[in-house]
Amino acid sequence: MTPWYRHWTAQVGLRVAGLALLLSGWPDIAALRNDAALPTSCFDLALAALLFASVSAGAALTLFGPDLWKPARVSARWTPQPGAFRSPRR
């Protein structure tokens, strides 16, 4: 059975979701630009943080799409070794 991220629907859907996240940031950018001359409020900071997270996730999904879920090989140093986490004897 192929992983879910290999299907063409997942590839298209993830990239469309990424573009949607990128485009959803456009009104937030306009709102923050209009408030630039005013004193910064907690709402503006939260909106900027949400904008950063949304655009970052959108860029990652648009550029990499389903490749974000591909398994990655790690060195033996970072893999769990049998018996490595034994509790110390008292």
PDB file of N, CA and C in Angstrom:
ATOM      1  N   MET A   1       0.843  -1.181   0.000  1.00  0.00           N
ATOM      2  CA  MET A   1       0.000   0.000   0.000  1.00  0.00           C
ATOM      3  C   MET A   1       0.887   1.243   0.000  1.00  0.00           C
ATOM      4  N   THR A   2       0.583   2.175  -0.849  1.00  0.00           N
ATOM      5  CA  THR A   2       1.381   3.389  -0.932  1.00  0.00           C
ATOM      6  C   THR A   2       0.973   4.354   0.182  1.00  0.00           C
ATOM      7  N   PRO A   3       1.932   5.137   0.673  1.00  0.00           N
ATOM      8  CA  PRO A   3       1.600   6.125   1.715  1.00  0.00           C
ATOM      9  C   PRO A   3       0.608   7.161   1.171  1.00  0.00           C
ATOM     10  N   TRP A   4      -0.108   7.773   2.074  1.00  0.00           N
ATOM     11  CA  TRP A   4      -1.149   8.716   1.676  1.00  0.00           C
ATOM     12  C   TRP A   4      -0.596   9.901   0.908  1.00  0.00           C
ATOM     13  N   TYR A   5       0.629  10.304   1.193  1.00  0.00           N
ATOM     14  CA  TYR A   5       1.169  11.496   0.552  1.00  0.00           C
ATOM     15  C   TYR A   5       1.665  11.237  -0.873  1.00  0.00           C
ATOM     16  N   ARG A   6       1.651   9.990  -1.327  1.00  0.00           N
ATOM     17  CA  ARG A   6       2.063   9.670  -2.694  1.00  0.00           C
ATOM     18  C   ARG A   6       0.925   9.804  -3.704  1.00  0.00           C
ATOM     19  N   HIS A   7      -0.321   9.862  -3.250  1.00  0.00           N
ATOM     20  CA  HIS A   7      -1.458   9.960  -4.163  1.00  0.00           C
ATOM     21  C   HIS A   7      -1.525  11.352  -4.773  1.00  0.00           C
ATOM     22  N   TRP A   8      -1.998  11.424  -5.998  1.00  0.00           N
ATOM     23  CA  TRP A   8      -2.036  12.711  -6.693  1.00  0.00           C
ATOM     24  C   TRP A   8      -3.002  13.675  -6.023  1.00  0.00           C
ATOM     25  N   THR A   9      -4.041  13.153  -5.368  1.00  0.00           N
ATOM     26  CA  THR A   9      -4.976  14.044  -4.691  1.00  0.00           C
ATOM     27  C   THR A   9      -4.313  14.731  -3.497  1.00  0.00           C
ATOM     28  N   ALA A  10      -3.452  14.001  -2.804  1.00  0.00           N
ATOM     29  CA  ALA A  10      -2.733  14.609  -1.682  1.00  0.00           C
ATOM     30  C   ALA A  10      -1.737  15.643  -2.188  1.00  0.00           C
ATOM     31  N   GLN A  11      -1.072  15.349  -3.299  1.00  0.00           N
ATOM     32  CA  GLN A  11      -0.101  16.289  -3.842  1.00  0.00           C
ATOM     33  C   GLN A  11      -0.769  17.593  -4.254  1.00  0.00           C
ATOM     34  N   VAL A  12      -1.891  17.476  -4.944  1.00  0.00           N
ATOM     35  CA  VAL A  12      -2.606  18.675  -5.376  1.00  0.00           C
ATOM     36  C   VAL A  12      -3.234  19.385  -4.181  1.00  0.00           C
ATOM     37  N   GLY A  13      -3.851  18.614  -3.294  1.00  0.00           N
ATOM     38  CA  GLY A  13      -4.529  19.215  -2.150  1.00  0.00           C
ATOM     39  C   GLY A  13      -3.596  19.960  -1.214  1.00  0.00           C
ATOM     40  N   LEU A  14      -2.428  19.399  -0.960  1.00  0.00           N
ATOM     41  CA  LEU A  14      -1.484  20.074  -0.067  1.00  0.00           C
ATOM     42  C   LEU A  14      -0.952  21.355  -0.687  1.00  0.00           C
ATOM     43  N   ARG A  15      -0.705  21.343  -1.978  1.00  0.00           N
ATOM     44  CA  ARG A  15      -0.216  22.565  -2.634  1.00  0.00           C
ATOM     45  C   ARG A  15      -1.307  23.630  -2.711  1.00  0.00           C
ATOM     46  N   VAL A  16      -2.543  23.208  -2.931  1.00  0.00           N
ATOM     47  CA  VAL A  16      -3.653  24.169  -2.928  1.00  0.00           C
ATOM     48  C   VAL A  16      -3.854  24.740  -1.527  1.00  0.00           C
ATOM     49  N   ALA A  17      -3.730  23.902  -0.512  1.00  0.00           N
ATOM     50  CA  ALA A  17      -3.833  24.394   0.868  1.00  0.00           C
ATOM     51  C   ALA A  17      -2.706  25.385   1.177  1.00  0.00           C
ATOM     52  N   GLY A  18      -1.506  25.107   0.664  1.00  0.00           N
ATOM     53  CA  GLY A  18      -0.400  26.042   0.851  1.00  0.00           C
ATOM     54  C   GLY A  18      -0.657  27.378   0.190  1.00  0.00           C
ATOM     55  N   LEU A  19      -1.177  27.347  -1.037  1.00  0.00           N
ATOM     56  CA  LEU A  19      -1.510  28.603  -1.711  1.00  0.00           C
ATOM     57  C   LEU A  19      -2.615  29.348  -0.983  1.00  0.00           C
ATOM     58  N   ALA A  20      -3.586  28.618  -0.441  1.00  0.00           N
ATOM     59  CA  ALA A  20      -4.660  29.259   0.326  1.00  0.00           C
ATOM     60  C   ALA A  20      -4.111  29.944   1.576  1.00  0.00           C
ATOM     61  N   LEU A  21      -3.158  29.291   2.248  1.00  0.00           N
ATOM     62  CA  LEU A  21      -2.548  29.926   3.429  1.00  0.00           C
ATOM     63  C   LEU A  21      -1.758  31.164   3.042  1.00  0.00           C
ATOM     64  N   LEU A  22      -1.065  31.108   1.901  1.00  0.00           N
ATOM     65  CA  LEU A  22      -0.325  32.281   1.450  1.00  0.00           C
ATOM     66  C   LEU A  22      -1.277  33.428   1.113  1.00  0.00           C
ATOM     67  N   LEU A  23      -2.361  33.109   0.412  1.00  0.00           N
ATOM     68  CA  LEU A  23      -3.304  34.162   0.023  1.00  0.00           C
ATOM     69  C   LEU A  23      -4.101  34.679   1.211  1.00  0.00           C
ATOM     70  N   SER A  24      -4.304  33.858   2.225  1.00  0.00           N
ATOM     71  CA  SER A  24      -5.055  34.328   3.397  1.00  0.00           C
ATOM     72  C   SER A  24      -4.264  35.356   4.198  1.00  0.00           C
ATOM     73  N   GLY A  25      -2.973  35.413   3.999  1.00  0.00           N
ATOM     74  CA  GLY A  25      -2.160  36.401   4.700  1.00  0.00           C
ATOM     75  C   GLY A  25      -2.244  37.785   4.091  1.00  0.00           C
ATOM     76  N   TRP A  26      -2.761  37.889   2.875  1.00  0.00           N
ATOM     77  CA  TRP A  26      -2.794  39.188   2.203  1.00  0.00           C
ATOM     78  C   TRP A  26      -3.617  40.230   2.959  1.00  0.00           C
ATOM     79  N   PRO A  27      -4.835  39.933   3.419  1.00  0.00           N
ATOM     80  CA  PRO A  27      -5.581  40.946   4.185  1.00  0.00           C
ATOM     81  C   PRO A  27      -4.904  41.302   5.509  1.00  0.00           C
ATOM     82  N   ASP A  28      -4.220  40.340   6.113  1.00  0.00           N
ATOM     83  CA  ASP A  28      -3.511  40.629   7.360  1.00  0.00           C
ATOM     84  C   ASP A  28      -2.362  41.602   7.122  1.00  0.00           C
ATOM     85  N   ILE A  29      -1.680  41.437   6.003  1.00  0.00           N
ATOM     86  CA  ILE A  29      -0.595  42.360   5.674  1.00  0.00           C
ATOM     87  C   ILE A  29      -1.148  43.769   5.502  1.00  0.00           C
ATOM     88  N   ALA A  30      -2.283  43.880   4.818  1.00  0.00           N
ATOM     89  CA  ALA A  30      -2.898  45.198   4.624  1.00  0.00           C
ATOM     90  C   ALA A  30      -3.326  45.803   5.961  1.00  0.00           C
ATOM     91  N   ALA A  31      -3.879  44.993   6.849  1.00  0.00           N
ATOM     92  CA  ALA A  31      -4.310  45.507   8.152  1.00  0.00           C
ATOM     93  C   ALA A  31      -3.119  45.974   8.980  1.00  0.00           C
ATOM     94  N   LEU A  32      -2.028  45.206   8.945  1.00  0.00           N
ATOM     95  CA  LEU A  32      -0.841  45.612   9.707  1.00  0.00           C
ATOM     96  C   LEU A  32      -0.186  46.839   9.092  1.00  0.00           C
ATOM     97  N   ARG A  33      -0.238  46.963   7.790  1.00  0.00           N
ATOM     98  CA  ARG A  33       0.358  48.126   7.138  1.00  0.00           C
ATOM     99  C   ARG A  33      -0.416  49.394   7.497  1.00  0.00           C
ATOM    100  N   ASN A  34      -1.744  49.287   7.587  1.00  0.00           N
ATOM    101  CA  ASN A  34      -2.556  50.450   7.947  1.00  0.00           C
ATOM    102  C   ASN A  34      -2.339  50.859   9.402  1.00  0.00           C
ATOM    103  N   ASP A  35      -2.008  49.913  10.271  1.00  0.00           N
ATOM    104  CA  ASP A  35      -1.796  50.210  11.687  1.00  0.00           C
ATOM    105  C   ASP A  35      -0.346  50.543  12.015  1.00  0.00           C
ATOM    106  N   ALA A  36       0.508  50.692  11.017  1.00  0.00           N
ATOM    107  CA  ALA A  36       1.933  50.880  11.275  1.00  0.00           C
ATOM    108  C   ALA A  36       2.222  52.197  11.986  1.00  0.00           C
ATOM    109  N   ALA A  37       1.439  53.233  11.733  1.00  0.00           N
ATOM    110  CA  ALA A  37       1.689  54.531  12.349  1.00  0.00           C
ATOM    111  C   ALA A  37       1.146  54.608  13.767  1.00  0.00           C
ATOM    112  N   LEU A  38       0.212  53.738  14.101  1.00  0.00           N
ATOM    113  CA  LEU A  38      -0.400  53.764  15.433  1.00  0.00           C
ATOM    114  C   LEU A  38       0.475  53.011  16.433  1.00  0.00           C
ATOM    115  N   PRO A  39       0.274  53.240  17.713  1.00  0.00           N
ATOM    116  CA  PRO A  39       0.999  52.428  18.712  1.00  0.00           C
ATOM    117  C   PRO A  39       0.623  50.949  18.570  1.00  0.00           C
ATOM    118  N   THR A  40       1.588  50.094  18.805  1.00  0.00           N
ATOM    119  CA  THR A  40       1.377  48.657  18.651  1.00  0.00           C
ATOM    120  C   THR A  40       0.578  48.116  19.830  1.00  0.00           C
ATOM    121  N   SER A  41      -0.453  47.355  19.520  1.00  0.00           N
ATOM    122  CA  SER A  41      -1.275  46.741  20.557  1.00  0.00           C
ATOM    123  C   SER A  41      -0.989  45.241  20.595  1.00  0.00           C
ATOM    124  N   CYS A  42      -1.554  44.583  21.585  1.00  0.00           N
ATOM    125  CA  CYS A  42      -1.408  43.128  21.685  1.00  0.00           C
ATOM    126  C   CYS A  42      -2.068  42.439  20.499  1.00  0.00           C
ATOM    127  N   PHE A  43      -3.159  43.008  20.009  1.00  0.00           N
ATOM    128  CA  PHE A  43      -3.831  42.449  18.846  1.00  0.00           C
ATOM    129  C   PHE A  43      -2.924  42.491  17.622  1.00  0.00           C
ATOM    130  N   ASP A  44      -2.197  43.593  17.430  1.00  0.00           N
ATOM    131  CA  ASP A  44      -1.281  43.698  16.292  1.00  0.00           C
ATOM    132  C   ASP A  44      -0.153  42.674  16.392  1.00  0.00           C
ATOM    133  N   LEU A  45       0.358  42.460  17.588  1.00  0.00           N
ATOM    134  CA  LEU A  45       1.418  41.473  17.763  1.00  0.00           C
ATOM    135  C   LEU A  45       0.911  40.060  17.513  1.00  0.00           C
ATOM    136  N   ALA A  46      -0.305  39.763  17.988  1.00  0.00           N
ATOM    137  CA  ALA A  46      -0.890  38.446  17.740  1.00  0.00           C
ATOM    138  C   ALA A  46      -1.174  38.247  16.260  1.00  0.00           C
ATOM    139  N   LEU A  47      -1.636  39.287  15.597  1.00  0.00           N
ATOM    140  CA  LEU A  47      -1.898  39.205  14.165  1.00  0.00           C
ATOM    141  C   LEU A  47      -0.607  38.991  13.383  1.00  0.00           C
ATOM    142  N   ALA A  48       0.464  39.657  13.788  1.00  0.00           N
ATOM    143  CA  ALA A  48       1.755  39.473  13.123  1.00  0.00           C
ATOM    144  C   ALA A  48       2.289  38.056  13.341  1.00  0.00           C
ATOM    145  N   ALA A  49       2.122  37.515  14.535  1.00  0.00           N
ATOM    146  CA  ALA A  49       2.564  36.145  14.802  1.00  0.00           C
ATOM    147  C   ALA A  49       1.745  35.139  13.999  1.00  0.00           C
ATOM    148  N   LEU A  50       0.433  35.341  13.925  1.00  0.00           N
ATOM    149  CA  LEU A  50      -0.431  34.477  13.132  1.00  0.00           C
ATOM    150  C   LEU A  50      -0.079  34.578  11.652  1.00  0.00           C
ATOM    151  N   LEU A  51       0.200  35.773  11.197  1.00  0.00           N
ATOM    152  CA  LEU A  51       0.596  35.973   9.797  1.00  0.00           C
ATOM    153  C   LEU A  51       1.893  35.241   9.488  1.00  0.00           C
ATOM    154  N   PHE A  52       2.866  35.342  10.364  1.00  0.00           N
ATOM    155  CA  PHE A  52       4.143  34.656  10.163  1.00  0.00           C
ATOM    156  C   PHE A  52       3.956  33.142  10.107  1.00  0.00           C
ATOM    157  N   ALA A  53       3.177  32.598  11.040  1.00  0.00           N
ATOM    158  CA  ALA A  53       2.944  31.152  11.054  1.00  0.00           C
ATOM    159  C   ALA A  53       2.187  30.703   9.810  1.00  0.00           C
ATOM    160  N   SER A  54       1.187  31.460   9.409  1.00  0.00           N
ATOM    161  CA  SER A  54       0.376  31.096   8.250  1.00  0.00           C
ATOM    162  C   SER A  54       1.188  31.147   6.960  1.00  0.00           C
ATOM    163  N   VAL A  55       1.941  32.191   6.774  1.00  0.00           N
ATOM    164  CA  VAL A  55       2.723  32.326   5.547  1.00  0.00           C
ATOM    165  C   VAL A  55       3.876  31.323   5.528  1.00  0.00           C
ATOM    166  N   SER A  56       4.475  31.035   6.659  1.00  0.00           N
ATOM    167  CA  SER A  56       5.545  30.032   6.709  1.00  0.00           C
ATOM    168  C   SER A  56       5.015  28.646   6.363  1.00  0.00           C
ATOM    169  N   ALA A  57       3.890  28.272   6.949  1.00  0.00           N
ATOM    170  CA  ALA A  57       3.290  26.969   6.632  1.00  0.00           C
ATOM    171  C   ALA A  57       2.832  26.924   5.184  1.00  0.00           C
ATOM    172  N   GLY A  58       2.278  28.013   4.684  1.00  0.00           N
ATOM    173  CA  GLY A  58       1.842  28.060   3.288  1.00  0.00           C
ATOM    174  C   GLY A  58       3.001  27.928   2.316  1.00  0.00           C
ATOM    175  N   ALA A  59       4.118  28.585   2.622  1.00  0.00           N
ATOM    176  CA  ALA A  59       5.288  28.475   1.742  1.00  0.00           C
ATOM    177  C   ALA A  59       5.852  27.063   1.762  1.00  0.00           C
ATOM    178  N   ALA A  60       5.903  26.449   2.935  1.00  0.00           N
ATOM    179  CA  ALA A  60       6.420  25.076   3.026  1.00  0.00           C
ATOM    180  C   ALA A  60       5.525  24.107   2.267  1.00  0.00           C
ATOM    181  N   LEU A  61       4.212  24.228   2.428  1.00  0.00           N
ATOM    182  CA  LEU A  61       3.296  23.332   1.728  1.00  0.00           C
ATOM    183  C   LEU A  61       3.323  23.565   0.218  1.00  0.00           C
ATOM    184  N   THR A  62       3.443  24.818  -0.203  1.00  0.00           N
ATOM    185  CA  THR A  62       3.464  25.106  -1.635  1.00  0.00           C
ATOM    186  C   THR A  62       4.740  24.602  -2.278  1.00  0.00           C
ATOM    187  N   LEU A  63       5.873  24.811  -1.626  1.00  0.00           N
ATOM    188  CA  LEU A  63       7.143  24.421  -2.230  1.00  0.00           C
ATOM    189  C   LEU A  63       7.403  22.927  -2.148  1.00  0.00           C
ATOM    190  N   PHE A  64       7.134  22.326  -0.999  1.00  0.00           N
ATOM    191  CA  PHE A  64       7.488  20.924  -0.796  1.00  0.00           C
ATOM    192  C   PHE A  64       6.303  19.983  -0.906  1.00  0.00           C
ATOM    193  N   GLY A  65       5.109  20.467  -0.599  1.00  0.00           N
ATOM    194  CA  GLY A  65       3.912  19.642  -0.705  1.00  0.00           C
ATOM    195  C   GLY A  65       4.009  18.369   0.108  1.00  0.00           C
ATOM    196  N   PRO A  66       3.778  17.223  -0.524  1.00  0.00           N
ATOM    197  CA  PRO A  66       3.765  15.962   0.216  1.00  0.00           C
ATOM    198  C   PRO A  66       5.148  15.491   0.650  1.00  0.00           C
ATOM    199  N   ASP A  67       6.189  16.095   0.143  1.00  0.00           N
ATOM    200  CA  ASP A  67       7.538  15.680   0.547  1.00  0.00           C
ATOM    201  C   ASP A  67       7.838  16.005   2.006  1.00  0.00           C
ATOM    202  N   LEU A  68       7.011  16.826   2.635  1.00  0.00           N
ATOM    203  CA  LEU A  68       7.208  17.123   4.057  1.00  0.00           C
ATOM    204  C   LEU A  68       7.006  15.889   4.927  1.00  0.00           C
ATOM    205  N   TRP A  69       6.236  14.909   4.442  1.00  0.00           N
ATOM    206  CA  TRP A  69       5.927  13.717   5.220  1.00  0.00           C
ATOM    207  C   TRP A  69       6.762  12.511   4.821  1.00  0.00           C
ATOM    208  N   LYS A  70       7.704  12.692   3.930  1.00  0.00           N
ATOM    209  CA  LYS A  70       8.544  11.563   3.565  1.00  0.00           C
ATOM    210  C   LYS A  70       9.444  11.203   4.739  1.00  0.00           C
ATOM    211  N   PRO A  71       9.613   9.919   4.997  1.00  0.00           N
ATOM    212  CA  PRO A  71      10.510   9.521   6.085  1.00  0.00           C
ATOM    213  C   PRO A  71      11.951   9.947   5.782  1.00  0.00           C
ATOM    214  N   ALA A  72      12.637  10.370   6.805  1.00  0.00           N
ATOM    215  CA  ALA A  72      14.021  10.802   6.657  1.00  0.00           C
ATOM    216  C   ALA A  72      14.946   9.805   7.348  1.00  0.00           C
ATOM    217  N   ARG A  73      16.077   9.539   6.744  1.00  0.00           N
ATOM    218  CA  ARG A  73      17.056   8.653   7.358  1.00  0.00           C
ATOM    219  C   ARG A  73      17.911   9.466   8.314  1.00  0.00           C
ATOM    220  N   VAL A  74      18.135   8.926   9.472  1.00  0.00           N
ATOM    221  CA  VAL A  74      18.971   9.577  10.463  1.00  0.00           C
ATOM    222  C   VAL A  74      20.133   8.647  10.793  1.00  0.00           C
ATOM    223  N   SER A  75      21.180   9.224  11.314  1.00  0.00           N
ATOM    224  CA  SER A  75      22.341   8.410  11.644  1.00  0.00           C
ATOM    225  C   SER A  75      22.051   7.512  12.846  1.00  0.00           C
ATOM    226  N   ALA A  76      22.913   6.532  13.034  1.00  0.00           N
ATOM    227  CA  ALA A  76      22.721   5.584  14.135  1.00  0.00           C
ATOM    228  C   ALA A  76      22.802   6.277  15.491  1.00  0.00           C
ATOM    229  N   ARG A  77      23.477   7.401  15.538  1.00  0.00           N
ATOM    230  CA  ARG A  77      23.604   8.131  16.794  1.00  0.00           C
ATOM    231  C   ARG A  77      22.243   8.588  17.318  1.00  0.00           C
ATOM    232  N   TRP A  78      21.310   8.889  16.419  1.00  0.00           N
ATOM    233  CA  TRP A  78      20.022   9.442  16.819  1.00  0.00           C
ATOM    234  C   TRP A  78      18.906   8.411  16.832  1.00  0.00           C
ATOM    235  N   THR A  79      19.193   7.176  16.526  1.00  0.00           N
ATOM    236  CA  THR A  79      18.173   6.132  16.589  1.00  0.00           C
ATOM    237  C   THR A  79      18.218   5.469  17.966  1.00  0.00           C
ATOM    238  N   PRO A  80      17.093   5.019  18.471  1.00  0.00           N
ATOM    239  CA  PRO A  80      17.084   4.383  19.787  1.00  0.00           C
ATOM    240  C   PRO A  80      17.843   3.052  19.765  1.00  0.00           C
ATOM    241  N   GLN A  81      18.702   2.867  20.728  1.00  0.00           N
ATOM    242  CA  GLN A  81      19.456   1.630  20.857  1.00  0.00           C
ATOM    243  C   GLN A  81      18.783   0.748  21.904  1.00  0.00           C
ATOM    244  N   PRO A  82      18.752  -0.568  21.674  1.00  0.00           N
ATOM    245  CA  PRO A  82      18.128  -1.438  22.673  1.00  0.00           C
ATOM    246  C   PRO A  82      18.883  -1.401  23.998  1.00  0.00           C
ATOM    247  N   GLY A  83      18.162  -1.184  25.062  1.00  0.00           N
ATOM    248  CA  GLY A  83      18.765  -1.155  26.390  1.00  0.00           C
ATOM    249  C   GLY A  83      19.469   0.141  26.731  1.00  0.00           C
ATOM    250  N   ALA A  84      19.321   1.165  25.922  1.00  0.00           N
ATOM    251  CA  ALA A  84      20.032   2.416  26.177  1.00  0.00           C
ATOM    252  C   ALA A  84      19.394   3.223  27.303  1.00  0.00           C
ATOM    253  N   PHE A  85      18.120   3.010  27.552  1.00  0.00           N
ATOM    254  CA  PHE A  85      17.417   3.811  28.542  1.00  0.00           C
ATOM    255  C   PHE A  85      17.078   2.997  29.779  1.00  0.00           C
ATOM    256  N   ARG A  86      18.026   2.233  30.256  1.00  0.00           N
ATOM    257  CA  ARG A  86      17.809   1.472  31.486  1.00  0.00           C
ATOM    258  C   ARG A  86      17.895   2.379  32.689  1.00  0.00           C
ATOM    259  N   SER A  87      17.085   2.096  33.654  1.00  0.00           N
ATOM    260  CA  SER A  87      17.147   2.893  34.873  1.00  0.00           C
ATOM    261  C   SER A  87      18.373   2.442  35.687  1.00  0.00           C
ATOM    262  N   PRO A  88      19.016   3.389  36.365  1.00  0.00           N
ATOM    263  CA  PRO A  88      20.197   3.015  37.151  1.00  0.00           C
ATOM    264  C   PRO A  88      19.817   2.145  38.349  1.00  0.00           C
ATOM    265  N   ARG A  89      20.699   1.231  38.683  1.00  0.00           N
ATOM    266  CA  ARG A  89      20.453   0.352  39.847  1.00  0.00           C
ATOM    267  C   ARG A  89      20.768   1.115  41.116  1.00  0.00           C
ATOM    268  N   ARG A  90      20.001   0.799  42.122  1.00  0.00           N
ATOM    269  CA  ARG A  90      20.236   1.480  43.397  1.00  0.00           C
ATOM    270  C   ARG A  90      20.836   0.549  44.378  1.00  0.00           C
TER     271      ARG A  90
END
